[in-house]
Every structure is written in C-alpha cells, then in structure tokens.
Amino acid sequence: MYFTNDLSHSERQSELASYGFTCHCPSCEHATPEADGLRKQYKGLAQTYLLILNWVAKVNPKPKESTIEPVRRLYEGMRKEGLTYAPQYRGLVMMLGKFL
C-alpha cells in the first residue's frame, strides 16, 4: 500500500483500515492538528521559501535572520514529522546550508 505523504493522520488511518491495518509509526502515534497542517502545506511552503531564498541569495548573501527563520521552522517540522525523504526537504537543507 502506498499513499502520498501529504495525507492527514485520519486520512492515512482510513486508507489503511480498509486493509485491516492500524499504523503505529511515530508520525501516526504522535499526530497533532499542527502536524496534519504541515503535511497539507509543506510542498507549497517549501516551493515559496526556496524561490524567495534563491532571490535573496542573489541580492544579499547574508540575509536577515527573519528571512531564514520560517524556512528553518519548516525544515524542523518536516524532520520531526519524518518527511526527510521528500525532495522539498533536501532542497531546504541545501538552501539553508548556503546561509548557515
């Protein structure tokens, strides 16, 4: 069974229930409304942040901390939620590496 990683906890559990399976992975065991929101939004946020940081890097190689902080929060949220295999995560790591 495969499903996308942008499903909420209840959506993932519902998909698996049809197979008689209840997932007990860390993401499912520690699911929160915030984690579900992150799963729904991380692709768009990562794309937006990467575009902004790409532009900022051309103008200012040492951007303000307030520019980097939302990117860092997204990075940490994705790491905590187990989304480190997502291409967007790798993009954030590479971009943050340029500034930190």
Protein backbone atom coordinates (compact mmCIF):
# COMPACT_ATOMS: atom_id res chain seq x y z
CA MET A 1 0.00 0.00 0.00
CA TYR A 2 1.33 3.39 -0.93
CA PHE A 3 -0.15 6.82 -0.36
CA THR A 4 1.21 10.32 -0.58
CA ASN A 5 2.84 11.88 2.43
CA ASP A 6 0.52 14.88 2.40
CA LEU A 7 -2.40 12.99 3.91
CA SER A 8 -3.58 13.80 7.42
CA HIS A 9 -3.45 11.23 10.20
CA SER A 10 -7.14 10.39 9.85
CA GLU A 11 -6.82 10.07 6.07
CA ARG A 12 -3.83 7.72 6.43
CA GLN A 13 -5.59 5.61 9.06
CA SER A 14 -8.76 5.45 6.95
CA GLU A 15 -6.79 4.25 3.91
CA LEU A 16 -5.07 1.57 5.98
CA ALA A 17 -8.25 0.46 7.78
CA SER A 18 -9.63 -0.94 4.54
CA TYR A 19 -6.73 -3.44 4.73
CA GLY A 20 -7.35 -4.19 8.41
CA PHE A 21 -4.16 -2.38 9.41
CA THR A 22 -3.59 0.28 12.05
CA CYS A 23 -0.31 2.13 11.72
CA HIS A 24 1.75 2.76 14.84
CA CYS A 25 4.68 4.61 13.27
CA PRO A 26 5.95 7.69 15.17
CA SER A 27 4.13 10.05 12.79
CA CYS A 28 0.81 8.30 13.44
CA GLU A 29 1.38 7.78 17.15
CA HIS A 30 2.24 11.44 17.74
CA ALA A 31 -0.11 13.04 15.22
CA THR A 32 -1.42 16.51 16.02
CA PRO A 33 -3.53 19.04 14.14
CA GLU A 34 -0.32 21.04 13.59
CA ALA A 35 1.42 18.01 12.07
CA ASP A 36 -1.57 17.40 9.80
CA GLY A 37 -1.43 21.05 8.73
CA LEU A 38 2.27 20.75 7.97
CA ARG A 39 1.64 17.66 5.82
CA LYS A 40 -1.01 19.57 3.86
CA GLN A 41 1.13 22.67 3.33
CA TYR A 42 4.80 21.69 3.22
CA LYS A 43 5.12 21.33 -0.57
CA GLY A 44 3.77 24.79 -1.33
CA LEU A 45 5.63 26.41 1.56
CA ALA A 46 8.92 24.81 0.55
CA GLN A 47 8.50 25.94 -3.05
CA THR A 48 7.71 29.51 -1.96
CA TYR A 49 10.57 29.67 0.54
CA LEU A 50 13.07 28.26 -1.94
CA LEU A 51 12.07 30.84 -4.55
CA ILE A 52 12.42 33.64 -2.01
CA LEU A 53 15.77 32.41 -0.72
CA ASN A 54 17.09 31.95 -4.24
CA TRP A 55 16.23 35.56 -4.99
CA VAL A 56 17.62 36.77 -1.65
CA ALA A 57 20.89 34.89 -2.24
CA LYS A 58 21.43 36.85 -5.45
CA VAL A 59 20.86 40.18 -3.73
CA ASN A 60 22.27 39.58 -0.25
CA PRO A 61 24.47 36.60 0.61
CA LYS A 62 23.91 37.32 4.32
CA PRO A 63 20.11 37.70 4.73
CA LYS A 64 18.36 38.75 7.92
CA GLU A 65 17.53 36.05 10.44
CA SER A 66 13.84 36.92 10.00
CA THR A 67 14.12 35.80 6.36
CA ILE A 68 15.66 32.45 7.29
CA GLU A 69 13.58 31.63 10.39
CA PRO A 70 10.37 30.47 8.61
CA VAL A 71 12.50 28.19 6.42
CA ARG A 72 14.24 26.78 9.48
CA ARG A 73 10.86 26.13 11.17
CA LEU A 74 9.61 24.29 8.09
CA TYR A 75 12.83 22.26 7.96
CA GLU A 76 12.49 21.31 11.64
CA GLY A 77 8.80 20.47 11.25
CA MET A 78 9.48 18.22 8.27
CA ARG A 79 12.32 16.50 10.14
CA LYS A 80 10.15 15.94 13.19
CA GLU A 81 7.29 14.61 11.05
CA GLY A 82 9.56 12.12 9.26
CA LEU A 83 9.46 13.85 5.88
CA THR A 84 13.23 13.83 5.40
CA TYR A 85 12.92 11.69 2.27
CA ALA A 86 10.83 14.34 0.48
CA PRO A 87 12.61 16.26 -2.30
CA GLN A 88 11.45 19.51 -0.70
CA TYR A 89 13.38 18.64 2.47
CA ARG A 90 16.60 18.15 0.52
CA GLY A 91 16.05 21.50 -1.17
CA LEU A 92 15.63 23.22 2.19
CA VAL A 93 18.78 21.56 3.55
CA MET A 94 20.81 22.71 0.56
CA MET A 95 19.46 26.26 0.72
CA LEU A 96 19.91 26.59 4.48
CA GLY A 97 23.46 25.29 4.07
CA LYS A 98 24.26 28.34 1.97
CA PHE A 99 23.22 30.72 4.74
CA LEU A 100 24.14 28.99 7.98
